[in-house]
């Protein structure tokens, strides 16, 4: 892999961005929307179907989500 390829890999996003329409389709297909904002941000407004799992909880390894 050359320099350009290495830089692209190092600075690429580890996630995929989806449009609002794609998100709606995913949610209607059974996907879960996880809101990782702080509790204060969560209280200020959220998507009705979102599950709140603060980022610090995800980073600590305990998300409190049901995987079944």
PDB file of N, CA and C in Angstrom:
ATOM      1  N   UNK A   1       0.859  -1.174   0.000  1.00  0.00           N
ATOM      2  CA  UNK A   1       0.000   0.000   0.000  1.00  0.00           C
ATOM      3  C   UNK A   1       0.901   1.231   0.000  1.00  0.00           C
ATOM      4  N   UNK A   2       0.590   2.168  -0.868  1.00  0.00           N
ATOM      5  CA  UNK A   2       1.379   3.381  -0.975  1.00  0.00           C
ATOM      6  C   UNK A   2       1.004   4.408   0.076  1.00  0.00           C
ATOM      7  N   UNK A   3       1.689   5.531   0.028  1.00  0.00           N
ATOM      8  CA  UNK A   3       1.458   6.609   0.986  1.00  0.00           C
ATOM      9  C   UNK A   3       0.014   7.104   0.947  1.00  0.00           C
ATOM     10  N   UNK A   4      -0.513   7.333  -0.241  1.00  0.00           N
ATOM     11  CA  UNK A   4      -1.886   7.834  -0.361  1.00  0.00           C
ATOM     12  C   UNK A   4      -2.871   6.824   0.223  1.00  0.00           C
ATOM     13  N   UNK A   5      -2.696   5.561  -0.095  1.00  0.00           N
ATOM     14  CA  UNK A   5      -3.574   4.525   0.444  1.00  0.00           C
ATOM     15  C   UNK A   5      -3.491   4.448   1.959  1.00  0.00           C
ATOM     16  N   UNK A   6      -2.299   4.579   2.505  1.00  0.00           N
ATOM     17  CA  UNK A   6      -2.119   4.555   3.958  1.00  0.00           C
ATOM     18  C   UNK A   6      -2.813   5.739   4.615  1.00  0.00           C
ATOM     19  N   UNK A   7      -2.695   6.916   4.003  1.00  0.00           N
ATOM     20  CA  UNK A   7      -3.346   8.108   4.549  1.00  0.00           C
ATOM     21  C   UNK A   7      -4.863   7.989   4.491  1.00  0.00           C
ATOM     22  N   UNK A   8      -5.383   7.483   3.381  1.00  0.00           N
ATOM     23  CA  UNK A   8      -6.827   7.293   3.266  1.00  0.00           C
ATOM     24  C   UNK A   8      -7.339   6.344   4.338  1.00  0.00           C
ATOM     25  N   UNK A   9      -6.608   5.267   4.561  1.00  0.00           N
ATOM     26  CA  UNK A   9      -7.013   4.294   5.572  1.00  0.00           C
ATOM     27  C   UNK A   9      -6.940   4.905   6.969  1.00  0.00           C
ATOM     28  N   UNK A  10      -5.892   5.661   7.251  1.00  0.00           N
ATOM     29  CA  UNK A  10      -5.713   6.253   8.572  1.00  0.00           C
ATOM     30  C   UNK A  10      -6.773   7.297   8.894  1.00  0.00           C
ATOM     31  N   UNK A  11      -7.245   8.018   7.876  1.00  0.00           N
ATOM     32  CA  UNK A  11      -8.181   9.106   8.112  1.00  0.00           C
ATOM     33  C   UNK A  11      -9.607   8.822   7.646  1.00  0.00           C
ATOM     34  N   UNK A  12      -9.900   7.593   7.303  1.00  0.00           N
ATOM     35  CA  UNK A  12     -11.260   7.266   6.867  1.00  0.00           C
ATOM     36  C   UNK A  12     -12.173   7.132   8.077  1.00  0.00           C
ATOM     37  N   UNK A  13     -13.457   7.357   7.856  1.00  0.00           N
ATOM     38  CA  UNK A  13     -14.446   7.257   8.925  1.00  0.00           C
ATOM     39  C   UNK A  13     -14.708   5.785   9.243  1.00  0.00           C
ATOM     40  N   UNK A  14     -14.779   5.446  10.529  1.00  0.00           N
ATOM     41  CA  UNK A  14     -15.079   4.058  10.908  1.00  0.00           C
ATOM     42  C   UNK A  14     -16.584   3.776  10.951  1.00  0.00           C
ATOM     43  N   UNK A  15     -17.367   4.595  10.283  1.00  0.00           N
ATOM     44  CA  UNK A  15     -18.815   4.443  10.276  1.00  0.00           C
ATOM     45  C   UNK A  15     -19.351   4.877   8.922  1.00  0.00           C
ATOM     46  N   UNK A  16     -20.599   4.596   8.689  1.00  0.00           N
ATOM     47  CA  UNK A  16     -21.252   4.981   7.444  1.00  0.00           C
ATOM     48  C   UNK A  16     -22.325   6.022   7.746  1.00  0.00           C
ATOM     49  N   UNK A  17     -22.346   7.081   6.981  1.00  0.00           N
ATOM     50  CA  UNK A  17     -23.372   8.106   7.124  1.00  0.00           C
ATOM     51  C   UNK A  17     -24.554   7.728   6.253  1.00  0.00           C
ATOM     52  N   UNK A  18     -25.762   7.859   6.815  1.00  0.00           N
ATOM     53  CA  UNK A  18     -26.973   7.562   6.047  1.00  0.00           C
ATOM     54  C   UNK A  18     -27.856   8.806   6.017  1.00  0.00           C
ATOM     55  N   UNK A  19     -28.646   8.923   4.983  1.00  0.00           N
ATOM     56  CA  UNK A  19     -29.590  10.043   4.862  1.00  0.00           C
ATOM     57  C   UNK A  19     -30.788   9.795   5.771  1.00  0.00           C
ATOM     58  N   UNK A  20     -31.606  10.801   5.933  1.00  0.00           N
ATOM     59  CA  UNK A  20     -32.834  10.665   6.722  1.00  0.00           C
ATOM     60  C   UNK A  20     -33.726   9.589   6.107  1.00  0.00           C
ATOM     61  N   UNK A  21     -33.857   9.611   4.797  1.00  0.00           N
ATOM     62  CA  UNK A  21     -34.693   8.601   4.126  1.00  0.00           C
ATOM     63  C   UNK A  21     -34.152   7.190   4.359  1.00  0.00           C
ATOM     64  N   UNK A  22     -32.830   7.028   4.260  1.00  0.00           N
ATOM     65  CA  UNK A  22     -32.229   5.709   4.514  1.00  0.00           C
ATOM     66  C   UNK A  22     -32.445   5.288   5.968  1.00  0.00           C
ATOM     67  N   UNK A  23     -32.314   6.238   6.895  1.00  0.00           N
ATOM     68  CA  UNK A  23     -32.524   5.933   8.314  1.00  0.00           C
ATOM     69  C   UNK A  23     -33.960   5.476   8.553  1.00  0.00           C
ATOM     70  N   UNK A  24     -34.919   6.154   7.944  1.00  0.00           N
ATOM     71  CA  UNK A  24     -36.325   5.759   8.091  1.00  0.00           C
ATOM     72  C   UNK A  24     -36.558   4.353   7.554  1.00  0.00           C
ATOM     73  N   UNK A  25     -35.954   4.047   6.409  1.00  0.00           N
ATOM     74  CA  UNK A  25     -36.080   2.699   5.837  1.00  0.00           C
ATOM     75  C   UNK A  25     -35.469   1.658   6.771  1.00  0.00           C
ATOM     76  N   UNK A  26     -34.302   1.965   7.309  1.00  0.00           N
ATOM     77  CA  UNK A  26     -33.638   1.029   8.223  1.00  0.00           C
ATOM     78  C   UNK A  26     -34.483   0.804   9.473  1.00  0.00           C
ATOM     79  N   UNK A  27     -35.021   1.875  10.040  1.00  0.00           N
ATOM     80  CA  UNK A  27     -35.856   1.754  11.237  1.00  0.00           C
ATOM     81  C   UNK A  27     -37.115   0.951  10.963  1.00  0.00           C
ATOM     82  N   UNK A  28     -37.725   1.152   9.806  1.00  0.00           N
ATOM     83  CA  UNK A  28     -38.937   0.390   9.478  1.00  0.00           C
ATOM     84  C   UNK A  28     -38.621  -1.080   9.224  1.00  0.00           C
ATOM     85  N   UNK A  29     -37.349  -1.373   8.954  1.00  0.00           N
ATOM     86  CA  UNK A  29     -36.923  -2.756   8.737  1.00  0.00           C
ATOM     87  C   UNK A  29     -36.464  -3.426  10.030  1.00  0.00           C
ATOM     88  N   UNK A  30     -36.571  -2.695  11.149  1.00  0.00           N
ATOM     89  CA  UNK A  30     -36.226  -3.298  12.439  1.00  0.00           C
ATOM     90  C   UNK A  30     -34.905  -2.853  13.036  1.00  0.00           C
ATOM     91  N   UNK A  31     -34.202  -1.917  12.401  1.00  0.00           N
ATOM     92  CA  UNK A  31     -32.932  -1.424  12.952  1.00  0.00           C
ATOM     93  C   UNK A  31     -33.198  -0.628  14.229  1.00  0.00           C
ATOM     94  N   UNK A  32     -32.183  -0.501  15.058  1.00  0.00           N
ATOM     95  CA  UNK A  32     -32.278   0.269  16.287  1.00  0.00           C
ATOM     96  C   UNK A  32     -31.468   1.540  16.145  1.00  0.00           C
ATOM     97  N   UNK A  33     -32.071   2.661  16.525  1.00  0.00           N
ATOM     98  CA  UNK A  33     -31.389   3.950  16.519  1.00  0.00           C
ATOM     99  C   UNK A  33     -30.847   4.193  17.913  1.00  0.00           C
ATOM    100  N   UNK A  34     -29.524   4.314  18.033  1.00  0.00           N
ATOM    101  CA  UNK A  34     -28.891   4.537  19.327  1.00  0.00           C
ATOM    102  C   UNK A  34     -28.361   5.962  19.362  1.00  0.00           C
ATOM    103  N   UNK A  35     -28.816   6.714  20.351  1.00  0.00           N
ATOM    104  CA  UNK A  35     -28.397   8.096  20.552  1.00  0.00           C
ATOM    105  C   UNK A  35     -27.290   8.099  21.604  1.00  0.00           C
ATOM    106  N   UNK A  36     -26.091   8.508  21.230  1.00  0.00           N
ATOM    107  CA  UNK A  36     -24.931   8.436  22.122  1.00  0.00           C
ATOM    108  C   UNK A  36     -24.595   9.778  22.768  1.00  0.00           C
ATOM    109  N   UNK A  37     -25.495  10.731  22.661  1.00  0.00           N
ATOM    110  CA  UNK A  37     -25.237  12.046  23.247  1.00  0.00           C
ATOM    111  C   UNK A  37     -25.345  11.998  24.771  1.00  0.00           C
ATOM    112  N   UNK A  38     -24.924  13.077  25.415  1.00  0.00           N
ATOM    113  CA  UNK A  38     -25.007  13.174  26.872  1.00  0.00           C
ATOM    114  C   UNK A  38     -26.469  13.205  27.317  1.00  0.00           C
ATOM    115  N   UNK A  39     -26.694  12.991  28.613  1.00  0.00           N
ATOM    116  CA  UNK A  39     -28.051  13.013  29.153  1.00  0.00           C
ATOM    117  C   UNK A  39     -28.702  14.380  28.940  1.00  0.00           C
ATOM    118  N   UNK A  40     -27.944  15.440  29.107  1.00  0.00           N
ATOM    119  CA  UNK A  40     -28.486  16.791  28.904  1.00  0.00           C
ATOM    120  C   UNK A  40     -28.922  16.985  27.456  1.00  0.00           C
ATOM    121  N   UNK A  41     -28.102  16.544  26.512  1.00  0.00           N
ATOM    122  CA  UNK A  41     -28.470  16.648  25.096  1.00  0.00           C
ATOM    123  C   UNK A  41     -29.699  15.797  24.789  1.00  0.00           C
ATOM    124  N   UNK A  42     -29.759  14.608  25.371  1.00  0.00           N
ATOM    125  CA  UNK A  42     -30.886  13.694  25.185  1.00  0.00           C
ATOM    126  C   UNK A  42     -32.188  14.344  25.648  1.00  0.00           C
ATOM    127  N   UNK A  43     -32.144  14.986  26.816  1.00  0.00           N
ATOM    128  CA  UNK A  43     -33.348  15.632  27.355  1.00  0.00           C
ATOM    129  C   UNK A  43     -33.795  16.820  26.504  1.00  0.00           C
ATOM    130  N   UNK A  44     -32.864  17.435  25.783  1.00  0.00           N
ATOM    131  CA  UNK A  44     -33.214  18.614  24.996  1.00  0.00           C
ATOM    132  C   UNK A  44     -33.998  18.262  23.726  1.00  0.00           C
ATOM    133  N   UNK A  45     -33.986  17.018  23.335  1.00  0.00           N
ATOM    134  CA  UNK A  45     -34.738  16.585  22.161  1.00  0.00           C
ATOM    135  C   UNK A  45     -34.136  15.341  21.560  1.00  0.00           C
ATOM    136  N   UNK A  46     -34.992  14.477  21.048  1.00  0.00           N
ATOM    137  CA  UNK A  46     -34.523  13.199  20.504  1.00  0.00           C
ATOM    138  C   UNK A  46     -35.554  12.621  19.545  1.00  0.00           C
ATOM    139  N   UNK A  47     -35.105  11.665  18.769  1.00  0.00           N
ATOM    140  CA  UNK A  47     -36.021  10.914  17.917  1.00  0.00           C
ATOM    141  C   UNK A  47     -36.864  10.009  18.826  1.00  0.00           C
ATOM    142  N   UNK A  48     -38.157   9.916  18.598  1.00  0.00           N
ATOM    143  CA  UNK A  48     -39.036   9.146  19.496  1.00  0.00           C
ATOM    144  C   UNK A  48     -38.623   7.679  19.661  1.00  0.00           C
ATOM    145  N   UNK A  49     -38.095   7.072  18.623  1.00  0.00           N
ATOM    146  CA  UNK A  49     -37.756   5.648  18.685  1.00  0.00           C
ATOM    147  C   UNK A  49     -36.321   5.380  19.128  1.00  0.00           C
ATOM    148  N   UNK A  50     -35.555   6.414  19.434  1.00  0.00           N
ATOM    149  CA  UNK A  50     -34.143   6.254  19.786  1.00  0.00           C
ATOM    150  C   UNK A  50     -33.962   5.649  21.172  1.00  0.00           C
ATOM    151  N   UNK A  51     -32.934   4.830  21.300  1.00  0.00           N
ATOM    152  CA  UNK A  51     -32.493   4.291  22.588  1.00  0.00           C
ATOM    153  C   UNK A  51     -31.325   5.152  23.041  1.00  0.00           C
ATOM    154  N   UNK A  52     -31.306   5.531  24.315  1.00  0.00           N
ATOM    155  CA  UNK A  52     -30.229   6.381  24.820  1.00  0.00           C
ATOM    156  C   UNK A  52     -29.155   5.525  25.468  1.00  0.00           C
ATOM    157  N   UNK A  53     -27.969   5.539  24.878  1.00  0.00           N
ATOM    158  CA  UNK A  53     -26.797   4.869  25.440  1.00  0.00           C
ATOM    159  C   UNK A  53     -25.648   5.869  25.321  1.00  0.00           C
ATOM    160  N   UNK A  54     -25.355   6.606  26.408  1.00  0.00           N
ATOM    161  CA  UNK A  54     -24.309   7.621  26.330  1.00  0.00           C
ATOM    162  C   UNK A  54     -22.980   7.033  25.866  1.00  0.00           C
ATOM    163  N   UNK A  55     -22.245   7.823  25.122  1.00  0.00           N
ATOM    164  CA  UNK A  55     -20.978   7.368  24.550  1.00  0.00           C
ATOM    165  C   UNK A  55     -20.032   6.841  25.606  1.00  0.00           C
ATOM    166  N   UNK A  56     -19.958   7.477  26.766  1.00  0.00           N
ATOM    167  CA  UNK A  56     -19.038   7.000  27.802  1.00  0.00           C
ATOM    168  C   UNK A  56     -19.404   5.599  28.284  1.00  0.00           C
ATOM    169  N   UNK A  57     -20.696   5.262  28.247  1.00  0.00           N
ATOM    170  CA  UNK A  57     -21.108   3.911  28.623  1.00  0.00           C
ATOM    171  C   UNK A  57     -20.680   2.906  27.557  1.00  0.00           C
ATOM    172  N   UNK A  58     -20.787   3.287  26.304  1.00  0.00           N
ATOM    173  CA  UNK A  58     -20.326   2.405  25.226  1.00  0.00           C
ATOM    174  C   UNK A  58     -18.826   2.186  25.316  1.00  0.00           C
ATOM    175  N   UNK A  59     -18.085   3.258  25.599  1.00  0.00           N
ATOM    176  CA  UNK A  59     -16.634   3.168  25.680  1.00  0.00           C
ATOM    177  C   UNK A  59     -16.181   2.325  26.861  1.00  0.00           C
ATOM    178  N   UNK A  60     -16.984   2.262  27.934  1.00  0.00           N
ATOM    179  CA  UNK A  60     -16.615   1.469  29.098  1.00  0.00           C
ATOM    180  C   UNK A  60     -16.903  -0.019  28.882  1.00  0.00           C
ATOM    181  N   UNK A  61     -17.579  -0.350  27.801  1.00  0.00           N
ATOM    182  CA  UNK A  61     -17.843  -1.749  27.481  1.00  0.00           C
ATOM    183  C   UNK A  61     -19.193  -2.246  27.916  1.00  0.00           C
ATOM    184  N   UNK A  62     -19.973  -1.427  28.609  1.00  0.00           N
ATOM    185  CA  UNK A  62     -21.318  -1.837  29.015  1.00  0.00           C
ATOM    186  C   UNK A  62     -22.320  -0.904  28.373  1.00  0.00           C
ATOM    187  N   UNK A  63     -23.024  -1.405  27.400  1.00  0.00           N
ATOM    188  CA  UNK A  63     -23.990  -0.581  26.699  1.00  0.00           C
ATOM    189  C   UNK A  63     -25.392  -0.722  27.272  1.00  0.00           C
ATOM    190  N   UNK A  64     -25.673  -1.802  27.945  1.00  0.00           N
ATOM    191  CA  UNK A  64     -27.010  -2.009  28.493  1.00  0.00           C
ATOM    192  C   UNK A  64     -28.054  -2.279  27.429  1.00  0.00           C
ATOM    193  N   UNK A  65     -27.631  -2.749  26.270  1.00  0.00           N
ATOM    194  CA  UNK A  65     -28.582  -3.054  25.203  1.00  0.00           C
ATOM    195  C   UNK A  65     -28.776  -4.546  25.109  1.00  0.00           C
ATOM    196  N   UNK A  66     -29.926  -4.934  24.677  1.00  0.00           N
ATOM    197  CA  UNK A  66     -30.259  -6.330  24.490  1.00  0.00           C
ATOM    198  C   UNK A  66     -29.855  -6.729  23.079  1.00  0.00           C
ATOM    199  N   UNK A  67     -29.009  -7.736  22.959  1.00  0.00           N
ATOM    200  CA  UNK A  67     -28.504  -8.134  21.646  1.00  0.00           C
ATOM    201  C   UNK A  67     -29.274  -9.302  21.039  1.00  0.00           C
ATOM    202  N   UNK A  68     -30.356  -9.726  21.671  1.00  0.00           N
ATOM    203  CA  UNK A  68     -31.120 -10.842  21.117  1.00  0.00           C
ATOM    204  C   UNK A  68     -32.355 -10.360  20.417  1.00  0.00           C
TER     205      UNK A  68
END
